[in-house]
Amino acid sequence: MIEVEVLVEARQWKKNLNNPKKIILHIVKNFPKQFIFVNKKVYISVLLTNNKKIQLLNKKFRKKNKPTDILSFPSFNKKKLKQIIKNKNIYLGDIAISYEEFYKKNKNDFINGFIKIFIHGFLHLLSFDHKLNKDYKVMSRIEKKIFKKIDESFDHKKK
């Protein structure tokens, strides 16, 4: 079971996402089986923020003084995650998404864009990355597979 804590820090998010926690829970509940944590309690936090805050986080943790659409802060590296996965309670980490950067890319398809960016951030919490081209291809393929499964289960008008 995955539990999500959502903090909506930027008011703009509320205009387009009625209940972000409900949407995120729907997304994670519909992940393919290989990404579901059976008999475990998994926790993540999501910060829906703005460019100013995400730029501060990007500068502090990545040494990049510019805003970005999403940042993920996994609690464990890949090796440690394989060991920790045996525990009953796991804190995977934090995801931060900037409204302005996200909106620039997704204003015409806000909900699908949100699903895709959340999947991307969640995979980073699971130690996926895209620094190398081969890793990018793997991560992109997995993102598309997950999105397809979630999109089939998602009734946009109800959310």
N, C-alpha and C. Protein backbone atom coordinates (compact mmCIF):
# COMPACT_ATOMS: atom_id res chain seq x y z
N MET A 1 0.84 -1.19 0.00
CA MET A 1 0.00 0.00 0.00
C MET A 1 0.88 1.25 0.00
N ILE A 2 0.54 2.20 -0.81
CA ILE A 2 1.31 3.43 -0.88
C ILE A 2 0.51 4.56 -0.26
N GLU A 3 1.14 5.26 0.65
CA GLU A 3 0.52 6.44 1.26
C GLU A 3 1.24 7.68 0.74
N VAL A 4 0.46 8.69 0.43
CA VAL A 4 1.00 9.90 -0.17
C VAL A 4 0.60 11.10 0.68
N GLU A 5 1.58 11.92 0.98
CA GLU A 5 1.31 13.21 1.62
C GLU A 5 1.51 14.27 0.55
N VAL A 6 0.51 15.09 0.34
CA VAL A 6 0.58 16.12 -0.70
C VAL A 6 0.47 17.50 -0.06
N LEU A 7 1.44 18.35 -0.37
CA LEU A 7 1.40 19.73 0.08
C LEU A 7 1.25 20.62 -1.15
N VAL A 8 0.16 21.35 -1.22
CA VAL A 8 -0.07 22.27 -2.32
C VAL A 8 0.36 23.65 -1.83
N GLU A 9 1.51 24.08 -2.30
CA GLU A 9 2.11 25.33 -1.85
C GLU A 9 1.76 26.50 -2.77
N ALA A 10 1.52 26.20 -4.04
CA ALA A 10 1.21 27.25 -5.01
C ALA A 10 -0.27 27.18 -5.37
N ARG A 11 -0.94 28.30 -5.24
CA ARG A 11 -2.39 28.36 -5.47
C ARG A 11 -2.81 27.95 -6.88
N GLN A 12 -1.94 28.16 -7.87
CA GLN A 12 -2.29 27.86 -9.26
C GLN A 12 -2.68 26.39 -9.44
N TRP A 13 -2.07 25.51 -8.65
CA TRP A 13 -2.37 24.08 -8.77
C TRP A 13 -3.85 23.80 -8.53
N LYS A 14 -4.43 24.52 -7.58
CA LYS A 14 -5.83 24.26 -7.20
C LYS A 14 -6.81 24.59 -8.32
N LYS A 15 -6.40 25.45 -9.25
CA LYS A 15 -7.26 25.80 -10.38
C LYS A 15 -7.46 24.63 -11.33
N ASN A 16 -6.44 23.77 -11.45
CA ASN A 16 -6.48 22.68 -12.43
C ASN A 16 -6.57 21.29 -11.82
N LEU A 17 -6.25 21.17 -10.55
CA LEU A 17 -6.31 19.86 -9.88
C LEU A 17 -7.22 19.99 -8.66
N ASN A 18 -8.40 19.48 -8.80
CA ASN A 18 -9.38 19.57 -7.72
C ASN A 18 -8.90 18.88 -6.45
N ASN A 19 -8.43 17.66 -6.59
CA ASN A 19 -7.99 16.87 -5.46
C ASN A 19 -6.72 16.11 -5.85
N PRO A 20 -5.56 16.77 -5.76
CA PRO A 20 -4.33 16.14 -6.24
C PRO A 20 -4.00 14.83 -5.54
N LYS A 21 -4.29 14.74 -4.26
CA LYS A 21 -3.98 13.50 -3.54
C LYS A 21 -4.79 12.33 -4.11
N LYS A 22 -6.05 12.57 -4.41
CA LYS A 22 -6.91 11.52 -4.99
C LYS A 22 -6.36 11.07 -6.35
N ILE A 23 -5.93 12.01 -7.15
CA ILE A 23 -5.37 11.69 -8.47
C ILE A 23 -4.09 10.89 -8.31
N ILE A 24 -3.21 11.33 -7.43
CA ILE A 24 -1.93 10.63 -7.21
C ILE A 24 -2.18 9.22 -6.68
N LEU A 25 -3.10 9.06 -5.74
CA LEU A 25 -3.41 7.73 -5.22
C LEU A 25 -3.97 6.83 -6.32
N HIS A 26 -4.79 7.39 -7.19
CA HIS A 26 -5.31 6.61 -8.32
C HIS A 26 -4.16 6.17 -9.22
N ILE A 27 -3.22 7.05 -9.46
CA ILE A 27 -2.08 6.72 -10.31
C ILE A 27 -1.29 5.56 -9.70
N VAL A 28 -0.90 5.69 -8.43
CA VAL A 28 -0.04 4.65 -7.83
C VAL A 28 -0.78 3.33 -7.66
N LYS A 29 -2.08 3.38 -7.43
CA LYS A 29 -2.85 2.13 -7.29
C LYS A 29 -2.94 1.38 -8.61
N ASN A 30 -2.75 2.07 -9.71
CA ASN A 30 -2.84 1.44 -11.03
C ASN A 30 -1.49 1.20 -11.70
N PHE A 31 -0.43 1.32 -10.94
CA PHE A 31 0.89 0.98 -11.48
C PHE A 31 0.91 -0.52 -11.80
N PRO A 32 1.69 -0.94 -12.79
CA PRO A 32 1.83 -2.37 -13.06
C PRO A 32 2.35 -3.12 -11.82
N LYS A 33 2.05 -4.41 -11.76
CA LYS A 33 2.37 -5.22 -10.59
C LYS A 33 3.82 -5.13 -10.14
N GLN A 34 4.76 -5.04 -11.07
CA GLN A 34 6.17 -5.02 -10.69
C GLN A 34 6.55 -3.78 -9.86
N PHE A 35 5.70 -2.76 -9.88
CA PHE A 35 5.98 -1.55 -9.11
C PHE A 35 5.11 -1.41 -7.88
N ILE A 36 4.31 -2.43 -7.60
CA ILE A 36 3.43 -2.38 -6.44
C ILE A 36 4.12 -3.11 -5.28
N PHE A 37 4.06 -2.52 -4.14
CA PHE A 37 4.70 -3.06 -2.96
C PHE A 37 3.68 -3.88 -2.18
N VAL A 38 3.75 -5.20 -2.32
CA VAL A 38 2.79 -6.08 -1.67
C VAL A 38 3.18 -6.26 -0.20
N ASN A 39 2.18 -6.20 0.67
CA ASN A 39 2.37 -6.38 2.12
C ASN A 39 3.37 -5.39 2.72
N LYS A 40 3.44 -4.21 2.15
CA LYS A 40 4.34 -3.18 2.65
C LYS A 40 3.59 -1.87 2.72
N LYS A 41 4.06 -1.02 3.57
CA LYS A 41 3.52 0.33 3.64
C LYS A 41 4.61 1.25 3.10
N VAL A 42 4.33 1.87 1.98
CA VAL A 42 5.29 2.73 1.31
C VAL A 42 4.77 4.16 1.38
N TYR A 43 5.66 5.08 1.73
CA TYR A 43 5.30 6.48 1.89
C TYR A 43 6.09 7.34 0.91
N ILE A 44 5.41 8.34 0.37
CA ILE A 44 6.09 9.37 -0.42
C ILE A 44 5.44 10.70 -0.08
N SER A 45 6.15 11.78 -0.37
CA SER A 45 5.54 13.10 -0.24
C SER A 45 5.68 13.83 -1.58
N VAL A 46 4.67 14.65 -1.86
CA VAL A 46 4.64 15.41 -3.10
C VAL A 46 4.40 16.88 -2.75
N LEU A 47 5.27 17.72 -3.25
CA LEU A 47 5.14 19.17 -3.07
C LEU A 47 4.76 19.78 -4.41
N LEU A 48 3.59 20.41 -4.45
CA LEU A 48 3.15 21.12 -5.65
C LEU A 48 3.44 22.60 -5.39
N THR A 49 4.46 23.09 -6.06
CA THR A 49 5.02 24.40 -5.72
C THR A 49 5.11 25.30 -6.95
N ASN A 50 5.97 26.31 -6.84
CA ASN A 50 6.15 27.27 -7.92
C ASN A 50 7.63 27.34 -8.32
N ASN A 51 7.92 28.18 -9.33
CA ASN A 51 9.29 28.29 -9.83
C ASN A 51 10.28 28.79 -8.78
N LYS A 52 9.84 29.73 -7.97
CA LYS A 52 10.74 30.30 -6.96
C LYS A 52 11.25 29.22 -6.01
N LYS A 53 10.33 28.40 -5.50
CA LYS A 53 10.71 27.35 -4.55
C LYS A 53 11.52 26.25 -5.22
N ILE A 54 11.11 25.84 -6.42
CA ILE A 54 11.82 24.74 -7.06
C ILE A 54 13.22 25.17 -7.49
N GLN A 55 13.37 26.46 -7.82
CA GLN A 55 14.70 26.96 -8.16
C GLN A 55 15.61 26.91 -6.94
N LEU A 56 15.08 27.26 -5.77
CA LEU A 56 15.87 27.15 -4.53
C LEU A 56 16.28 25.71 -4.27
N LEU A 57 15.35 24.78 -4.45
CA LEU A 57 15.67 23.36 -4.24
C LEU A 57 16.69 22.87 -5.27
N ASN A 58 16.53 23.28 -6.52
CA ASN A 58 17.44 22.88 -7.58
C ASN A 58 18.85 23.41 -7.32
N LYS A 59 18.93 24.64 -6.85
CA LYS A 59 20.23 25.23 -6.54
C LYS A 59 20.88 24.53 -5.35
N LYS A 60 20.11 24.29 -4.32
CA LYS A 60 20.65 23.68 -3.09
C LYS A 60 21.10 22.24 -3.32
N PHE A 61 20.30 21.45 -4.01
CA PHE A 61 20.58 20.02 -4.11
C PHE A 61 21.24 19.59 -5.41
N ARG A 62 21.12 20.37 -6.48
CA ARG A 62 21.71 19.98 -7.75
C ARG A 62 22.71 21.01 -8.28
N LYS A 63 22.88 22.09 -7.54
CA LYS A 63 23.82 23.17 -7.93
C LYS A 63 23.46 23.79 -9.27
N LYS A 64 22.15 23.81 -9.58
CA LYS A 64 21.66 24.44 -10.81
C LYS A 64 20.72 25.56 -10.41
N ASN A 65 21.11 26.80 -10.72
CA ASN A 65 20.34 27.96 -10.29
C ASN A 65 19.30 28.35 -11.34
N LYS A 66 18.35 27.43 -11.56
CA LYS A 66 17.26 27.69 -12.49
C LYS A 66 16.08 26.81 -12.11
N PRO A 67 14.88 27.24 -12.49
CA PRO A 67 13.72 26.39 -12.20
C PRO A 67 13.69 25.18 -13.13
N THR A 68 12.98 24.16 -12.72
CA THR A 68 12.77 22.96 -13.51
C THR A 68 11.35 22.49 -13.24
N ASP A 69 10.84 21.59 -14.04
CA ASP A 69 9.46 21.16 -13.83
C ASP A 69 9.32 20.19 -12.66
N ILE A 70 10.28 19.31 -12.46
CA ILE A 70 10.17 18.30 -11.40
C ILE A 70 11.52 17.96 -10.81
N LEU A 71 11.51 17.71 -9.52
CA LEU A 71 12.68 17.20 -8.81
C LEU A 71 12.22 16.01 -7.98
N SER A 72 13.05 14.99 -7.94
CA SER A 72 12.78 13.83 -7.09
C SER A 72 13.95 13.65 -6.15
N PHE A 73 13.62 13.33 -4.91
CA PHE A 73 14.63 13.14 -3.88
C PHE A 73 14.44 11.76 -3.26
N PRO A 74 15.05 10.74 -3.88
CA PRO A 74 14.90 9.39 -3.33
C PRO A 74 15.59 9.27 -1.98
N SER A 75 15.00 8.47 -1.11
CA SER A 75 15.60 8.25 0.20
C SER A 75 16.76 7.27 0.14
N PHE A 76 16.82 6.48 -0.93
CA PHE A 76 17.83 5.44 -1.03
C PHE A 76 18.40 5.38 -2.44
N ASN A 77 19.66 4.94 -2.52
CA ASN A 77 20.21 4.65 -3.84
C ASN A 77 19.76 3.24 -4.24
N LYS A 78 20.05 2.84 -5.45
CA LYS A 78 19.56 1.57 -6.00
C LYS A 78 19.97 0.38 -5.14
N LYS A 79 21.21 0.36 -4.73
CA LYS A 79 21.72 -0.77 -3.94
C LYS A 79 21.00 -0.84 -2.58
N LYS A 80 20.87 0.28 -1.93
CA LYS A 80 20.22 0.33 -0.62
C LYS A 80 18.73 0.03 -0.74
N LEU A 81 18.10 0.48 -1.83
CA LEU A 81 16.67 0.23 -2.04
C LEU A 81 16.40 -1.27 -2.09
N LYS A 82 17.28 -2.03 -2.76
CA LYS A 82 17.10 -3.49 -2.83
C LYS A 82 17.15 -4.13 -1.45
N GLN A 83 17.95 -3.57 -0.54
CA GLN A 83 18.01 -4.08 0.84
C GLN A 83 16.79 -3.63 1.64
N ILE A 84 16.42 -2.38 1.50
CA ILE A 84 15.32 -1.78 2.27
C ILE A 84 13.97 -2.38 1.87
N ILE A 85 13.86 -2.84 0.63
CA ILE A 85 12.59 -3.33 0.11
C ILE A 85 12.05 -4.49 0.96
N LYS A 86 12.90 -5.09 1.74
CA LYS A 86 12.47 -6.19 2.62
C LYS A 86 11.70 -5.69 3.84
N ASN A 87 11.86 -4.42 4.17
CA ASN A 87 11.18 -3.84 5.33
C ASN A 87 9.68 -3.72 5.10
N LYS A 88 8.94 -3.66 6.17
CA LYS A 88 7.47 -3.49 6.09
C LYS A 88 7.08 -2.04 5.82
N ASN A 89 7.87 -1.09 6.32
CA ASN A 89 7.60 0.33 6.13
C ASN A 89 8.77 0.96 5.39
N ILE A 90 8.46 1.65 4.31
CA ILE A 90 9.51 2.24 3.47
C ILE A 90 9.14 3.68 3.13
N TYR A 91 10.05 4.60 3.40
CA TYR A 91 9.86 5.98 2.94
C TYR A 91 10.69 6.14 1.68
N LEU A 92 10.02 6.19 0.52
CA LEU A 92 10.74 6.25 -0.76
C LEU A 92 11.39 7.59 -1.00
N GLY A 93 10.71 8.68 -0.62
CA GLY A 93 11.31 9.99 -0.85
C GLY A 93 10.27 11.04 -1.20
N ASP A 94 10.77 12.13 -1.80
CA ASP A 94 9.96 13.31 -2.05
C ASP A 94 10.00 13.68 -3.53
N ILE A 95 8.89 14.22 -4.00
CA ILE A 95 8.78 14.75 -5.36
C ILE A 95 8.30 16.19 -5.24
N ALA A 96 8.93 17.09 -5.99
CA ALA A 96 8.49 18.49 -6.05
C ALA A 96 8.22 18.84 -7.51
N ILE A 97 7.09 19.48 -7.75
CA ILE A 97 6.72 19.86 -9.13
C ILE A 97 6.37 21.35 -9.14
N SER A 98 6.99 22.08 -10.06
CA SER A 98 6.73 23.50 -10.22
C SER A 98 5.58 23.73 -11.19
N TYR A 99 4.61 24.50 -10.75
CA TYR A 99 3.45 24.77 -11.59
C TYR A 99 3.85 25.46 -12.90
N GLU A 100 4.63 26.53 -12.81
CA GLU A 100 4.94 27.31 -14.02
C GLU A 100 5.68 26.49 -15.07
N GLU A 101 6.70 25.76 -14.66
CA GLU A 101 7.48 24.96 -15.61
C GLU A 101 6.63 23.81 -16.16
N PHE A 102 5.84 23.21 -15.29
CA PHE A 102 4.96 22.13 -15.73
C PHE A 102 3.91 22.67 -16.71
N TYR A 103 3.29 23.79 -16.37
CA TYR A 103 2.22 24.35 -17.18
C TYR A 103 2.69 24.74 -18.59
N LYS A 104 3.91 25.26 -18.69
CA LYS A 104 4.46 25.63 -20.01
C LYS A 104 4.39 24.46 -20.99
N LYS A 105 4.65 23.27 -20.48
CA LYS A 105 4.72 22.08 -21.33
C LYS A 105 3.39 21.33 -21.43
N ASN A 106 2.46 21.61 -20.52
CA ASN A 106 1.27 20.77 -20.43
C ASN A 106 -0.05 21.52 -20.39
N LYS A 107 -0.07 22.79 -20.77
CA LYS A 107 -1.30 23.57 -20.65
C LYS A 107 -2.44 23.01 -21.50
N ASN A 108 -2.11 22.33 -22.60
CA ASN A 108 -3.16 21.79 -23.48
C ASN A 108 -3.67 20.41 -23.05
N ASP A 109 -2.94 19.76 -22.16
CA ASP A 109 -3.35 18.42 -21.70
C ASP A 109 -2.88 18.25 -20.26
N PHE A 110 -3.46 19.03 -19.39
CA PHE A 110 -2.99 19.17 -18.01
C PHE A 110 -3.00 17.84 -17.25
N ILE A 111 -4.11 17.10 -17.28
CA ILE A 111 -4.22 15.88 -16.48
C ILE A 111 -3.25 14.81 -17.00
N ASN A 112 -3.23 14.57 -18.30
CA ASN A 112 -2.29 13.58 -18.83
C ASN A 112 -0.85 13.98 -18.55
N GLY A 113 -0.57 15.27 -18.67
CA GLY A 113 0.77 15.76 -18.35
C GLY A 113 1.12 15.51 -16.90
N PHE A 114 0.15 15.72 -16.02
CA PHE A 114 0.39 15.48 -14.59
C PHE A 114 0.64 14.01 -14.31
N ILE A 115 -0.13 13.14 -14.94
CA ILE A 115 0.08 11.70 -14.77
C ILE A 115 1.49 11.34 -15.22
N LYS A 116 1.88 11.82 -16.39
CA LYS A 116 3.21 11.49 -16.94
C LYS A 116 4.34 12.01 -16.06
N ILE A 117 4.22 13.25 -15.60
CA ILE A 117 5.32 13.81 -14.80
C ILE A 117 5.40 13.12 -13.44
N PHE A 118 4.25 12.74 -12.89
CA PHE A 118 4.28 12.02 -11.62
C PHE A 118 4.95 10.66 -11.80
N ILE A 119 4.60 9.94 -12.86
CA ILE A 119 5.23 8.65 -13.15
C ILE A 119 6.74 8.84 -13.24
N HIS A 120 7.17 9.86 -13.95
CA HIS A 120 8.60 10.15 -14.12
C HIS A 120 9.27 10.35 -12.76
N GLY A 121 8.68 11.19 -11.93
CA GLY A 121 9.25 11.45 -10.62
C GLY A 121 9.26 10.22 -9.74
N PHE A 122 8.19 9.43 -9.79
CA PHE A 122 8.10 8.21 -8.99
C PHE A 122 9.18 7.21 -9.40
N LEU A 123 9.41 7.08 -10.70
CA LEU A 123 10.47 6.17 -11.16
C LEU A 123 11.84 6.62 -10.65
N HIS A 124 12.05 7.92 -10.56
CA HIS A 124 13.31 8.41 -9.96
C HIS A 124 13.42 7.96 -8.51
N LEU A 125 12.31 7.95 -7.78
CA LEU A 125 12.34 7.47 -6.39
C LEU A 125 12.71 5.99 -6.33
N LEU A 126 12.43 5.26 -7.40
CA LEU A 126 12.77 3.85 -7.47
C LEU A 126 14.16 3.62 -8.09
N SER A 127 14.95 4.69 -8.16
CA SER A 127 16.35 4.65 -8.63
C SER A 127 16.53 4.57 -10.14
N PHE A 128 15.49 4.85 -10.90
CA PHE A 128 15.67 4.96 -12.35
C PHE A 128 16.25 6.33 -12.64
N ASP A 129 17.08 6.41 -13.68
CA ASP A 129 17.58 7.71 -14.11
C ASP A 129 17.72 7.72 -15.62
N HIS A 130 18.12 8.87 -16.14
CA HIS A 130 18.24 9.01 -17.59
C HIS A 130 19.49 9.81 -17.94
N LYS A 131 20.55 9.58 -17.18
CA LYS A 131 21.81 10.30 -17.46
C LYS A 131 22.44 9.81 -18.75
N LEU A 132 22.37 8.51 -18.99
CA LEU A 132 22.90 7.94 -20.22
C LEU A 132 21.76 7.68 -21.19
N ASN A 133 22.06 7.70 -22.47
CA ASN A 133 21.04 7.50 -23.50
C ASN A 133 20.34 6.15 -23.33
N LYS A 134 21.09 5.10 -23.01
CA LYS A 134 20.48 3.77 -22.84
C LYS A 134 19.52 3.77 -21.64
N ASP A 135 19.88 4.49 -20.57
CA ASP A 135 19.00 4.59 -19.40
C ASP A 135 17.76 5.41 -19.74
N TYR A 136 17.93 6.44 -20.56
CA TYR A 136 16.80 7.25 -21.00
C TYR A 136 15.79 6.39 -21.75
N LYS A 137 16.31 5.54 -22.66
CA LYS A 137 15.41 4.69 -23.45
C LYS A 137 14.65 3.70 -22.55
N VAL A 138 15.34 3.12 -21.59
CA VAL A 138 14.69 2.18 -20.66
C VAL A 138 13.62 2.90 -19.86
N MET A 139 13.98 4.05 -19.27
CA MET A 139 13.04 4.78 -18.44
C MET A 139 11.85 5.26 -19.26
N SER A 140 12.09 5.73 -20.45
CA SER A 140 11.02 6.22 -21.33
C SER A 140 10.06 5.09 -21.68
N ARG A 141 10.60 3.91 -21.98
CA ARG A 141 9.76 2.76 -22.32
C ARG A 141 8.87 2.38 -21.13
N ILE A 142 9.45 2.37 -19.93
CA ILE A 142 8.70 2.02 -18.73
C ILE A 142 7.63 3.08 -18.45
N GLU A 143 7.98 4.36 -18.60
CA GLU A 143 7.00 5.43 -18.40
C GLU A 143 5.80 5.26 -19.33
N LYS A 144 6.06 4.96 -20.59
CA LYS A 144 4.97 4.79 -21.55
C LYS A 144 4.09 3.60 -21.19
N LYS A 145 4.71 2.51 -20.75
CA LYS A 145 3.96 1.32 -20.35
C LYS A 145 3.06 1.63 -19.16
N ILE A 146 3.61 2.30 -18.17
CA ILE A 146 2.84 2.65 -16.98
C ILE A 146 1.73 3.62 -17.34
N PHE A 147 2.05 4.63 -18.15
CA PHE A 147 1.03 5.61 -18.54
C PHE A 147 -0.14 4.93 -19.25
N LYS A 148 0.17 4.01 -20.15
CA LYS A 148 -0.88 3.33 -20.89
C LYS A 148 -1.81 2.59 -19.93
N LYS A 149 -1.23 1.89 -18.97
CA LYS A 149 -2.05 1.14 -17.99
C LYS A 149 -2.90 2.10 -17.16
N ILE A 150 -2.31 3.18 -16.71
CA ILE A 150 -3.04 4.14 -15.88
C ILE A 150 -4.11 4.85 -16.70
N ASP A 151 -3.75 5.24 -17.91
CA ASP A 151 -4.70 5.97 -18.75
C ASP A 151 -5.95 5.14 -19.04
N GLU A 152 -5.77 3.82 -19.18
CA GLU A 152 -6.91 2.93 -19.42
C GLU A 152 -7.86 2.91 -18.22
N SER A 153 -7.33 3.15 -17.02
CA SER A 153 -8.15 3.07 -15.81
C SER A 153 -8.67 4.44 -15.36
N PHE A 154 -8.26 5.48 -16.06
CA PHE A 154 -8.49 6.84 -15.58
C PHE A 154 -9.66 7.49 -16.30
N ASP A 155 -10.65 7.88 -15.55
CA ASP A 155 -11.77 8.64 -16.11
C ASP A 155 -11.53 10.11 -15.77
N HIS A 156 -10.98 10.86 -16.71
CA HIS A 156 -10.57 12.24 -16.46
C HIS A 156 -11.71 13.12 -15.96
N LYS A 157 -12.89 12.84 -16.39
CA LYS A 157 -14.01 13.68 -16.02
C LYS A 157 -14.41 13.51 -14.56
N LYS A 158 -14.07 12.35 -13.97
CA LYS A 158 -14.43 12.12 -12.57
C LYS A 158 -13.42 12.72 -11.61
N LYS A 159 -12.21 12.99 -12.06
CA LYS A 159 -11.15 13.41 -11.13
C LYS A 159 -11.18 14.88 -10.91
